[in-house]
Amino acid sequence: MPTYLRLLKKLDECFDRPQNARHVSANHENTIMKHLLSALCLTFVVSHIVASQSQGHGDSRSGFDLFQQKVEGKWSFFEDKQQYKASFESMSHGKALLERNSGFSVVYYPDGATLMMTLFTKDGPQIRMRAPGMAQNTSSIAFAFQDATNLPPGSGHISGLDIVFKDANHIVERWKMLEANERESSFEFELTRK
């Protein structure tokens, strides 16, 4: 039996107990009090139901779920006139998303109200980037450099990623680089859903 039904049953039992010291005029007072307390209890129960239904559906999870819905699947893209394959697949029981690409892999995952990603490159460093959560009408998401592991001092590295959702079958990945000489550059490619 749901919690709110058990609570209502208990409250009903309390109100049905006889009250020895009250007479006719007190009965009218008891009826008014019973209706007032019932209304307050109903308000409490409804607010409890709404609150319990919203748990587990916070901004971080729903934003990650939306991101996952937009990108999960098999994709292809062209670079230097050569076609490559890419894929986004759910992992860890839907708690993370793995992107496999021609020269790297990325794991995307929620972190509180934000989205995180860890980029694994063939060169060895692992770059972590963070983006704000996603809303239903979001047409792009911007990841910014957070930190890195195995990054040699003074070396260049990926410093950001913008993902633009052109439509359900086309997304653009714009990768930002910070060169060893502190010069910024970027490259992009468009993925098409297969």
N, C-alpha and C. Protein backbone atom coordinates (compact mmCIF):
# COMPACT_ATOMS: atom_id res chain seq x y z
N MET A 1 0.85 -1.17 0.00
CA MET A 1 0.00 0.00 0.00
C MET A 1 0.90 1.24 0.00
N PRO A 2 0.63 2.21 -0.90
CA PRO A 2 1.45 3.43 -0.95
C PRO A 2 1.43 4.16 0.39
N THR A 3 2.50 4.87 0.65
CA THR A 3 2.67 5.59 1.91
C THR A 3 1.54 6.56 2.18
N TYR A 4 1.14 7.31 1.14
CA TYR A 4 0.10 8.30 1.37
C TYR A 4 -1.24 7.66 1.74
N LEU A 5 -1.54 6.45 1.21
CA LEU A 5 -2.78 5.78 1.58
C LEU A 5 -2.73 5.29 3.02
N ARG A 6 -1.56 4.79 3.45
CA ARG A 6 -1.41 4.38 4.85
C ARG A 6 -1.58 5.57 5.79
N LEU A 7 -1.03 6.72 5.39
CA LEU A 7 -1.15 7.92 6.20
C LEU A 7 -2.61 8.35 6.32
N LEU A 8 -3.33 8.35 5.20
CA LEU A 8 -4.74 8.73 5.25
C LEU A 8 -5.55 7.77 6.10
N LYS A 9 -5.25 6.48 6.01
CA LYS A 9 -5.97 5.48 6.81
C LYS A 9 -5.72 5.73 8.30
N LYS A 10 -4.48 6.00 8.69
CA LYS A 10 -4.14 6.28 10.08
C LYS A 10 -4.88 7.52 10.58
N LEU A 11 -4.88 8.58 9.76
CA LEU A 11 -5.58 9.81 10.16
C LEU A 11 -7.08 9.56 10.33
N ASP A 12 -7.64 8.79 9.43
CA ASP A 12 -9.06 8.48 9.52
C ASP A 12 -9.37 7.72 10.81
N GLU A 13 -8.50 6.78 11.20
CA GLU A 13 -8.69 6.04 12.45
C GLU A 13 -8.65 6.99 13.64
N CYS A 14 -7.77 7.98 13.61
CA CYS A 14 -7.67 8.94 14.71
C CYS A 14 -8.96 9.73 14.87
N PHE A 15 -9.55 10.14 13.76
CA PHE A 15 -10.75 10.96 13.83
C PHE A 15 -11.99 10.17 14.21
N ASP A 16 -11.99 8.88 13.97
CA ASP A 16 -13.15 8.06 14.29
C ASP A 16 -13.20 7.61 15.74
N ARG A 17 -12.21 7.90 16.54
CA ARG A 17 -12.22 7.53 17.95
C ARG A 17 -13.26 8.39 18.70
N PRO A 18 -14.03 7.79 19.58
CA PRO A 18 -15.02 8.57 20.32
C PRO A 18 -14.34 9.51 21.30
N GLN A 19 -14.96 10.64 21.49
CA GLN A 19 -14.46 11.61 22.46
C GLN A 19 -15.50 11.75 23.55
N ASN A 20 -15.22 11.23 24.74
CA ASN A 20 -16.18 11.11 25.83
C ASN A 20 -16.67 12.44 26.36
N ALA A 21 -15.86 13.47 26.41
CA ALA A 21 -16.23 14.71 27.09
C ALA A 21 -17.04 15.66 26.22
N ARG A 22 -17.25 15.38 24.99
CA ARG A 22 -17.94 16.30 24.09
C ARG A 22 -19.41 15.91 23.91
N HIS A 23 -20.28 16.91 23.72
CA HIS A 23 -21.71 16.67 23.51
C HIS A 23 -22.12 17.25 22.17
N VAL A 24 -23.37 17.62 22.00
CA VAL A 24 -23.93 18.06 20.73
C VAL A 24 -23.19 19.27 20.16
N SER A 25 -22.99 20.32 20.93
CA SER A 25 -22.30 21.50 20.41
C SER A 25 -20.84 21.19 20.08
N ALA A 26 -20.27 20.29 20.83
CA ALA A 26 -18.89 19.90 20.56
C ALA A 26 -18.79 19.08 19.28
N ASN A 27 -19.86 18.33 18.95
CA ASN A 27 -19.85 17.53 17.72
C ASN A 27 -19.71 18.42 16.49
N HIS A 28 -20.42 19.56 16.49
CA HIS A 28 -20.31 20.50 15.37
C HIS A 28 -18.88 21.03 15.26
N GLU A 29 -18.30 21.36 16.39
CA GLU A 29 -16.93 21.85 16.44
C GLU A 29 -15.96 20.77 15.94
N ASN A 30 -16.20 19.53 16.35
CA ASN A 30 -15.36 18.41 15.91
C ASN A 30 -15.45 18.20 14.41
N THR A 31 -16.64 18.37 13.84
CA THR A 31 -16.82 18.19 12.39
C THR A 31 -16.01 19.24 11.62
N ILE A 32 -16.10 20.48 12.08
CA ILE A 32 -15.33 21.54 11.42
C ILE A 32 -13.83 21.26 11.54
N MET A 33 -13.38 20.89 12.72
CA MET A 33 -11.97 20.59 12.94
C MET A 33 -11.52 19.40 12.09
N LYS A 34 -12.40 18.40 12.00
CA LYS A 34 -12.06 17.21 11.20
C LYS A 34 -11.88 17.59 9.74
N HIS A 35 -12.77 18.44 9.20
CA HIS A 35 -12.65 18.88 7.80
C HIS A 35 -11.40 19.72 7.59
N LEU A 36 -11.11 20.59 8.52
CA LEU A 36 -9.92 21.43 8.43
C LEU A 36 -8.65 20.58 8.45
N LEU A 37 -8.57 19.65 9.38
CA LEU A 37 -7.40 18.78 9.45
C LEU A 37 -7.29 17.87 8.23
N SER A 38 -8.42 17.42 7.72
CA SER A 38 -8.41 16.59 6.50
C SER A 38 -7.84 17.38 5.33
N ALA A 39 -8.26 18.65 5.20
CA ALA A 39 -7.75 19.49 4.12
C ALA A 39 -6.25 19.71 4.25
N LEU A 40 -5.78 19.96 5.47
CA LEU A 40 -4.34 20.14 5.70
C LEU A 40 -3.58 18.86 5.38
N CYS A 41 -4.14 17.73 5.81
CA CYS A 41 -3.48 16.44 5.54
C CYS A 41 -3.43 16.15 4.05
N LEU A 42 -4.52 16.45 3.35
CA LEU A 42 -4.55 16.23 1.91
C LEU A 42 -3.49 17.09 1.22
N THR A 43 -3.36 18.34 1.66
CA THR A 43 -2.32 19.22 1.12
C THR A 43 -0.94 18.63 1.35
N PHE A 44 -0.70 18.13 2.56
CA PHE A 44 0.57 17.49 2.88
C PHE A 44 0.82 16.28 2.00
N VAL A 45 -0.18 15.44 1.84
CA VAL A 45 -0.03 14.22 1.05
C VAL A 45 0.26 14.55 -0.41
N VAL A 46 -0.48 15.50 -0.97
CA VAL A 46 -0.25 15.87 -2.37
C VAL A 46 1.15 16.43 -2.57
N SER A 47 1.59 17.30 -1.65
CA SER A 47 2.95 17.85 -1.78
C SER A 47 3.99 16.76 -1.63
N HIS A 48 3.74 15.78 -0.76
CA HIS A 48 4.66 14.66 -0.60
C HIS A 48 4.75 13.83 -1.88
N ILE A 49 3.61 13.59 -2.52
CA ILE A 49 3.58 12.81 -3.77
C ILE A 49 4.35 13.55 -4.86
N VAL A 50 4.09 14.84 -5.00
CA VAL A 50 4.78 15.62 -6.02
C VAL A 50 6.28 15.62 -5.78
N ALA A 51 6.69 15.81 -4.53
CA ALA A 51 8.12 15.82 -4.20
C ALA A 51 8.77 14.48 -4.47
N SER A 52 8.10 13.40 -4.12
CA SER A 52 8.70 12.07 -4.33
C SER A 52 8.77 11.71 -5.80
N GLN A 53 7.82 12.18 -6.60
CA GLN A 53 7.87 11.89 -8.03
C GLN A 53 8.96 12.68 -8.72
N SER A 54 9.32 13.84 -8.18
CA SER A 54 10.36 14.65 -8.82
C SER A 54 11.76 14.20 -8.43
N GLN A 55 11.91 13.39 -7.39
CA GLN A 55 13.23 12.91 -7.00
C GLN A 55 13.75 11.98 -8.08
N GLY A 56 15.04 12.09 -8.36
CA GLY A 56 15.64 11.25 -9.39
C GLY A 56 15.48 11.82 -10.78
N HIS A 57 14.77 12.94 -10.91
CA HIS A 57 14.60 13.55 -12.21
C HIS A 57 15.13 14.97 -12.18
N GLY A 58 16.22 15.17 -11.47
CA GLY A 58 16.80 16.50 -11.34
C GLY A 58 17.42 16.96 -12.63
N ASP A 59 17.90 18.18 -12.64
CA ASP A 59 18.45 18.80 -13.83
C ASP A 59 19.61 18.02 -14.41
N SER A 60 20.52 17.50 -13.58
CA SER A 60 21.70 16.83 -14.11
C SER A 60 21.32 15.58 -14.88
N ARG A 61 20.46 14.76 -14.31
CA ARG A 61 20.09 13.51 -14.97
C ARG A 61 19.27 13.78 -16.22
N SER A 62 18.27 14.66 -16.14
CA SER A 62 17.45 14.92 -17.31
C SER A 62 18.28 15.59 -18.41
N GLY A 63 19.23 16.47 -18.03
CA GLY A 63 20.11 17.08 -19.02
C GLY A 63 21.00 16.05 -19.69
N PHE A 64 21.53 15.12 -18.90
CA PHE A 64 22.35 14.06 -19.46
C PHE A 64 21.50 13.16 -20.35
N ASP A 65 20.30 12.82 -19.89
CA ASP A 65 19.41 11.97 -20.69
C ASP A 65 19.09 12.62 -22.02
N LEU A 66 18.84 13.92 -22.02
CA LEU A 66 18.55 14.65 -23.25
C LEU A 66 19.77 14.61 -24.18
N PHE A 67 20.94 14.86 -23.65
CA PHE A 67 22.17 14.79 -24.44
C PHE A 67 22.32 13.40 -25.05
N GLN A 68 22.11 12.38 -24.23
CA GLN A 68 22.23 10.99 -24.68
C GLN A 68 21.23 10.69 -25.81
N GLN A 69 20.00 11.15 -25.67
CA GLN A 69 18.98 10.93 -26.71
C GLN A 69 19.38 11.58 -28.02
N LYS A 70 20.02 12.75 -27.94
CA LYS A 70 20.37 13.48 -29.15
C LYS A 70 21.53 12.84 -29.92
N VAL A 71 22.44 12.16 -29.21
CA VAL A 71 23.65 11.69 -29.89
C VAL A 71 23.80 10.17 -29.99
N GLU A 72 23.11 9.42 -29.17
CA GLU A 72 23.33 7.97 -29.15
C GLU A 72 23.06 7.35 -30.52
N GLY A 73 23.97 6.49 -30.95
CA GLY A 73 23.83 5.80 -32.24
C GLY A 73 25.12 5.79 -33.04
N LYS A 74 24.99 5.39 -34.30
CA LYS A 74 26.14 5.31 -35.21
C LYS A 74 26.13 6.51 -36.14
N TRP A 75 27.33 7.04 -36.38
CA TRP A 75 27.51 8.26 -37.17
C TRP A 75 28.66 8.06 -38.14
N SER A 76 28.77 8.96 -39.11
CA SER A 76 29.93 9.00 -40.00
C SER A 76 30.29 10.47 -40.23
N PHE A 77 31.54 10.69 -40.63
CA PHE A 77 31.99 12.05 -40.94
C PHE A 77 33.13 11.98 -41.93
N PHE A 78 33.40 13.09 -42.58
CA PHE A 78 34.49 13.20 -43.54
C PHE A 78 35.57 14.11 -42.98
N GLU A 79 36.81 13.68 -43.18
CA GLU A 79 37.96 14.50 -42.83
C GLU A 79 39.00 14.27 -43.93
N ASP A 80 39.46 15.36 -44.52
CA ASP A 80 40.40 15.28 -45.65
C ASP A 80 39.89 14.34 -46.73
N LYS A 81 38.60 14.47 -47.06
CA LYS A 81 37.92 13.71 -48.11
C LYS A 81 37.86 12.20 -47.85
N GLN A 82 38.14 11.79 -46.64
CA GLN A 82 38.04 10.37 -46.29
C GLN A 82 36.93 10.21 -45.25
N GLN A 83 36.10 9.16 -45.44
CA GLN A 83 34.99 8.93 -44.53
C GLN A 83 35.45 8.09 -43.33
N TYR A 84 34.97 8.49 -42.14
CA TYR A 84 35.28 7.78 -40.91
C TYR A 84 33.98 7.44 -40.19
N LYS A 85 34.06 6.47 -39.30
CA LYS A 85 32.91 6.08 -38.49
C LYS A 85 33.07 6.61 -37.07
N ALA A 86 31.93 6.88 -36.45
CA ALA A 86 31.90 7.29 -35.04
C ALA A 86 30.65 6.67 -34.42
N SER A 87 30.67 6.51 -33.12
CA SER A 87 29.48 5.99 -32.44
C SER A 87 29.40 6.56 -31.03
N PHE A 88 28.20 6.68 -30.55
CA PHE A 88 27.90 7.06 -29.18
C PHE A 88 27.08 5.92 -28.60
N GLU A 89 27.58 5.31 -27.53
CA GLU A 89 26.85 4.18 -26.95
C GLU A 89 26.78 4.29 -25.43
N SER A 90 25.63 3.89 -24.92
CA SER A 90 25.39 3.92 -23.48
C SER A 90 26.29 2.90 -22.79
N MET A 91 26.76 3.26 -21.59
CA MET A 91 27.58 2.33 -20.81
C MET A 91 27.26 2.52 -19.33
N SER A 92 27.74 1.63 -18.50
CA SER A 92 27.53 1.70 -17.04
C SER A 92 26.06 1.85 -16.70
N HIS A 93 25.25 1.00 -17.32
CA HIS A 93 23.80 0.95 -17.06
C HIS A 93 23.14 2.30 -17.32
N GLY A 94 23.57 2.98 -18.39
CA GLY A 94 22.96 4.25 -18.78
C GLY A 94 23.48 5.47 -18.02
N LYS A 95 24.48 5.27 -17.16
CA LYS A 95 25.00 6.39 -16.36
C LYS A 95 26.11 7.15 -17.07
N ALA A 96 26.58 6.64 -18.19
CA ALA A 96 27.64 7.30 -18.95
C ALA A 96 27.43 6.99 -20.43
N LEU A 97 28.10 7.76 -21.28
CA LEU A 97 27.98 7.62 -22.73
C LEU A 97 29.39 7.60 -23.32
N LEU A 98 29.68 6.60 -24.13
CA LEU A 98 31.00 6.44 -24.74
C LEU A 98 30.93 6.85 -26.20
N GLU A 99 31.79 7.81 -26.58
CA GLU A 99 31.96 8.17 -27.99
C GLU A 99 33.24 7.53 -28.49
N ARG A 100 33.11 6.76 -29.55
CA ARG A 100 34.28 6.16 -30.21
C ARG A 100 34.45 6.87 -31.54
N ASN A 101 35.67 7.32 -31.78
CA ASN A 101 35.96 8.05 -33.00
C ASN A 101 37.25 7.51 -33.59
N SER A 102 37.68 8.06 -34.70
CA SER A 102 38.83 7.49 -35.41
C SER A 102 40.15 7.60 -34.64
N GLY A 103 40.32 8.60 -33.81
CA GLY A 103 41.60 8.73 -33.12
C GLY A 103 41.48 8.93 -31.63
N PHE A 104 40.28 8.86 -31.11
CA PHE A 104 40.09 9.11 -29.68
C PHE A 104 38.79 8.49 -29.20
N SER A 105 38.65 8.46 -27.87
CA SER A 105 37.40 8.05 -27.23
C SER A 105 37.06 9.10 -26.18
N VAL A 106 35.76 9.28 -25.95
CA VAL A 106 35.28 10.24 -24.95
C VAL A 106 34.22 9.55 -24.10
N VAL A 107 34.28 9.77 -22.80
CA VAL A 107 33.22 9.31 -21.90
C VAL A 107 32.53 10.56 -21.36
N TYR A 108 31.21 10.65 -21.60
CA TYR A 108 30.38 11.74 -21.10
C TYR A 108 29.59 11.22 -19.90
N TYR A 109 29.39 12.06 -18.88
CA TYR A 109 28.65 11.63 -17.70
C TYR A 109 28.14 12.85 -16.93
N PRO A 110 27.04 12.68 -16.17
CA PRO A 110 26.53 13.80 -15.38
C PRO A 110 27.36 13.99 -14.11
N ASP A 111 27.46 15.24 -13.66
CA ASP A 111 28.13 15.57 -12.40
C ASP A 111 27.34 16.71 -11.76
N GLY A 112 26.44 16.36 -10.86
CA GLY A 112 25.56 17.37 -10.28
C GLY A 112 24.70 17.97 -11.36
N ALA A 113 24.68 19.29 -11.44
CA ALA A 113 23.87 19.98 -12.45
C ALA A 113 24.63 20.18 -13.75
N THR A 114 25.85 19.65 -13.85
CA THR A 114 26.66 19.84 -15.06
C THR A 114 26.91 18.51 -15.76
N LEU A 115 27.47 18.61 -16.96
CA LEU A 115 27.91 17.43 -17.70
C LEU A 115 29.43 17.45 -17.75
N MET A 116 30.02 16.29 -17.58
CA MET A 116 31.48 16.16 -17.66
C MET A 116 31.82 15.25 -18.83
N MET A 117 33.04 15.40 -19.30
CA MET A 117 33.57 14.49 -20.32
C MET A 117 35.04 14.27 -20.05
N THR A 118 35.50 13.07 -20.34
CA THR A 118 36.93 12.77 -20.29
C THR A 118 37.32 12.28 -21.67
N LEU A 119 38.29 12.97 -22.25
CA LEU A 119 38.79 12.67 -23.59
C LEU A 119 40.05 11.82 -23.47
N PHE A 120 40.05 10.67 -24.13
CA PHE A 120 41.22 9.77 -24.16
C PHE A 120 41.79 9.82 -25.56
N THR A 121 43.02 10.32 -25.69
CA THR A 121 43.64 10.48 -27.01
C THR A 121 44.72 9.42 -27.23
N LYS A 122 45.14 9.27 -28.48
CA LYS A 122 46.21 8.32 -28.80
C LYS A 122 47.56 8.79 -28.27
N ASP A 123 47.67 10.09 -27.95
CA ASP A 123 48.93 10.64 -27.44
C ASP A 123 49.13 10.40 -25.95
N GLY A 124 48.08 9.99 -25.23
CA GLY A 124 48.24 9.65 -23.83
C GLY A 124 47.55 10.52 -22.81
N PRO A 125 47.50 11.85 -22.99
CA PRO A 125 46.83 12.67 -21.97
C PRO A 125 45.32 12.40 -21.94
N GLN A 126 44.75 12.56 -20.75
CA GLN A 126 43.30 12.48 -20.60
C GLN A 126 42.83 13.88 -20.19
N ILE A 127 41.98 14.46 -21.02
CA ILE A 127 41.49 15.81 -20.81
C ILE A 127 40.08 15.74 -20.25
N ARG A 128 39.85 16.44 -19.12
CA ARG A 128 38.50 16.51 -18.57
C ARG A 128 37.93 17.89 -18.83
N MET A 129 36.67 17.91 -19.29
CA MET A 129 36.00 19.17 -19.57
C MET A 129 34.59 19.14 -18.96
N ARG A 130 34.08 20.32 -18.67
CA ARG A 130 32.77 20.45 -18.02
C ARG A 130 31.89 21.39 -18.85
N ALA A 131 30.58 21.09 -18.86
CA ALA A 131 29.59 21.95 -19.54
C ALA A 131 28.39 22.12 -18.62
N PRO A 132 27.68 23.24 -18.76
CA PRO A 132 26.44 23.39 -17.99
C PRO A 132 25.44 22.33 -18.45
N GLY A 133 24.41 22.10 -17.66
CA GLY A 133 23.38 21.13 -18.05
C GLY A 133 22.67 21.55 -19.32
N MET A 134 21.86 20.65 -19.84
CA MET A 134 21.12 20.92 -21.08
C MET A 134 19.65 21.11 -20.78
N ALA A 135 19.01 21.99 -21.54
CA ALA A 135 17.56 22.17 -21.48
C ALA A 135 16.96 21.56 -22.76
N GLN A 136 15.66 21.38 -22.75
CA GLN A 136 14.97 20.74 -23.88
C GLN A 136 15.26 21.43 -25.21
N ASN A 137 15.32 22.76 -25.22
CA ASN A 137 15.48 23.50 -26.47
C ASN A 137 16.93 23.85 -26.78
N THR A 138 17.86 23.23 -26.12
CA THR A 138 19.28 23.53 -26.32
C THR A 138 19.71 23.10 -27.72
N SER A 139 20.33 24.04 -28.44
CA SER A 139 20.81 23.70 -29.79
C SER A 139 22.31 23.47 -29.82
N SER A 140 22.99 23.72 -28.69
CA SER A 140 24.42 23.45 -28.61
C SER A 140 24.80 23.31 -27.14
N ILE A 141 25.97 22.74 -26.94
CA ILE A 141 26.52 22.62 -25.59
C ILE A 141 28.02 22.87 -25.68
N ALA A 142 28.54 23.62 -24.73
CA ALA A 142 29.95 24.02 -24.76
C ALA A 142 30.68 23.43 -23.55
N PHE A 143 31.67 22.59 -23.83
CA PHE A 143 32.52 22.02 -22.79
C PHE A 143 33.79 22.86 -22.69
N ALA A 144 34.20 23.17 -21.47
CA ALA A 144 35.41 23.96 -21.24
C ALA A 144 36.42 23.13 -20.44
N PHE A 145 37.68 23.37 -20.68
CA PHE A 145 38.77 22.64 -20.02
C PHE A 145 38.63 22.71 -18.50
N GLN A 146 38.74 21.56 -17.86
CA GLN A 146 38.70 21.46 -16.40
C GLN A 146 40.09 21.13 -15.87
N ASP A 147 40.65 20.01 -16.32
CA ASP A 147 42.00 19.60 -15.93
C ASP A 147 42.44 18.46 -16.84
N ALA A 148 43.65 17.98 -16.60
CA ALA A 148 44.19 16.90 -17.43
C ALA A 148 45.11 16.01 -16.61
N THR A 149 45.21 14.77 -17.03
CA THR A 149 46.19 13.85 -16.44
C THR A 149 47.14 13.42 -17.54
N ASN A 150 48.36 13.07 -17.16
CA ASN A 150 49.40 12.63 -18.11
C ASN A 150 49.71 13.66 -19.18
N LEU A 151 49.55 14.93 -18.83
CA LEU A 151 49.84 16.01 -19.78
C LEU A 151 51.22 16.57 -19.46
N PRO A 152 52.18 16.39 -20.37
CA PRO A 152 53.52 16.92 -20.11
C PRO A 152 53.49 18.45 -19.97
N PRO A 153 54.27 19.00 -19.06
CA PRO A 153 54.30 20.46 -18.87
C PRO A 153 54.65 21.18 -20.17
N GLY A 154 53.92 22.26 -20.44
CA GLY A 154 54.20 23.09 -21.61
C GLY A 154 53.70 22.53 -22.92
N SER A 155 52.99 21.41 -22.91
CA SER A 155 52.51 20.84 -24.17
C SER A 155 51.13 21.38 -24.51
N GLY A 156 50.81 21.33 -25.77
CA GLY A 156 49.48 21.75 -26.23
C GLY A 156 48.44 20.71 -25.85
N HIS A 157 47.19 21.15 -25.84
CA HIS A 157 46.11 20.21 -25.50
C HIS A 157 44.77 20.74 -25.97
N ILE A 158 43.80 19.86 -26.03
CA ILE A 158 42.42 20.24 -26.32
C ILE A 158 41.94 21.11 -25.16
N SER A 159 41.31 22.24 -25.48
CA SER A 159 40.87 23.15 -24.42
C SER A 159 39.37 23.37 -24.39
N GLY A 160 38.65 22.83 -25.35
CA GLY A 160 37.20 23.01 -25.36
C GLY A 160 36.55 22.21 -26.47
N LEU A 161 35.26 22.02 -26.33
CA LEU A 161 34.47 21.34 -27.35
C LEU A 161 33.08 21.95 -27.36
N ASP A 162 32.65 22.40 -28.53
CA ASP A 162 31.28 22.85 -28.73
C ASP A 162 30.60 21.80 -29.61
N ILE A 163 29.46 21.31 -29.15
CA ILE A 163 28.67 20.38 -29.95
C ILE A 163 27.41 21.12 -30.36
N VAL A 164 27.20 21.23 -31.67
CA VAL A 164 26.05 21.93 -32.22
C VAL A 164 25.10 20.90 -32.81
N PHE A 165 23.85 20.95 -32.36
CA PHE A 165 22.82 20.02 -32.85
C PHE A 165 22.07 20.70 -33.99
N LYS A 166 22.48 20.39 -35.24
CA LYS A 166 21.86 21.03 -36.40
C LYS A 166 20.43 20.51 -36.58
N ASP A 167 20.26 19.22 -36.49
CA ASP A 167 18.95 18.56 -36.51
C ASP A 167 19.16 17.16 -35.95
N ALA A 168 18.15 16.32 -36.03
CA ALA A 168 18.22 15.00 -35.41
C ALA A 168 19.28 14.11 -36.03
N ASN A 169 19.71 14.41 -37.26
CA ASN A 169 20.66 13.56 -37.97
C ASN A 169 22.00 14.21 -38.27
N HIS A 170 22.22 15.42 -37.77
CA HIS A 170 23.47 16.13 -38.04
C HIS A 170 23.93 16.90 -36.81
N ILE A 171 25.16 16.64 -36.39
CA ILE A 171 25.76 17.42 -35.32
C ILE A 171 27.16 17.86 -35.76
N VAL A 172 27.59 18.98 -35.23
CA VAL A 172 28.93 19.50 -35.53
C VAL A 172 29.72 19.48 -34.23
N GLU A 173 30.93 18.92 -34.28
CA GLU A 173 31.85 18.97 -33.15
C GLU A 173 32.93 19.99 -33.49
N ARG A 174 33.03 21.06 -32.68
CA ARG A 174 34.06 22.09 -32.85
C ARG A 174 35.05 21.94 -31.70
N TRP A 175 36.23 21.45 -32.00
CA TRP A 175 37.27 21.21 -31.00
C TRP A 175 38.21 22.41 -30.94
N LYS A 176 38.51 22.87 -29.74
CA LYS A 176 39.43 23.99 -29.53
C LYS A 176 40.74 23.45 -28.98
N MET A 177 41.84 24.03 -29.46
CA MET A 177 43.18 23.62 -29.04
C MET A 177 43.91 24.80 -28.44
N LEU A 178 44.71 24.50 -27.43
CA LEU A 178 45.65 25.49 -26.90
C LEU A 178 47.04 24.91 -27.22
N GLU A 179 47.73 25.55 -28.16
CA GLU A 179 49.03 25.06 -28.62
C GLU A 179 50.09 25.29 -27.53
N ALA A 180 51.21 24.63 -27.67
CA ALA A 180 52.30 24.77 -26.70
C ALA A 180 52.78 26.22 -26.59
N ASN A 181 52.65 26.97 -27.68
CA ASN A 181 53.07 28.38 -27.67
C ASN A 181 51.93 29.30 -27.22
N GLU A 182 50.88 28.73 -26.60
CA GLU A 182 49.72 29.46 -26.07
C GLU A 182 48.80 30.02 -27.16
N ARG A 183 49.07 29.66 -28.42
CA ARG A 183 48.20 30.08 -29.51
C ARG A 183 46.97 29.18 -29.54
N GLU A 184 45.80 29.78 -29.77
CA GLU A 184 44.57 29.00 -29.84
C GLU A 184 44.24 28.67 -31.29
N SER A 185 43.72 27.47 -31.50
CA SER A 185 43.28 27.06 -32.83
C SER A 185 42.05 26.17 -32.64
N SER A 186 41.44 25.80 -33.74
CA SER A 186 40.28 24.92 -33.66
C SER A 186 40.13 24.12 -34.94
N PHE A 187 39.37 23.07 -34.86
CA PHE A 187 39.00 22.28 -36.02
C PHE A 187 37.60 21.73 -35.76
N GLU A 188 36.91 21.36 -36.81
CA GLU A 188 35.56 20.83 -36.64
C GLU A 188 35.26 19.80 -37.70
N PHE A 189 34.27 18.98 -37.40
CA PHE A 189 33.73 18.05 -38.38
C PHE A 189 32.26 17.83 -38.09
N GLU A 190 31.53 17.53 -39.17
CA GLU A 190 30.08 17.29 -39.05
C GLU A 190 29.80 15.81 -39.10
N LEU A 191 29.07 15.34 -38.11
CA LEU A 191 28.69 13.94 -38.07
C LEU A 191 27.27 13.80 -38.63
N THR A 192 27.09 12.74 -39.42
CA THR A 192 25.79 12.42 -39.98
C THR A 192 25.36 11.07 -39.47
N ARG A 193 24.11 11.00 -38.96
CA ARG A 193 23.60 9.75 -38.40
C ARG A 193 23.46 8.71 -39.51
N LYS A 194 23.84 7.47 -39.20
CA LYS A 194 23.75 6.38 -40.17
C LYS A 194 22.42 5.66 -40.01
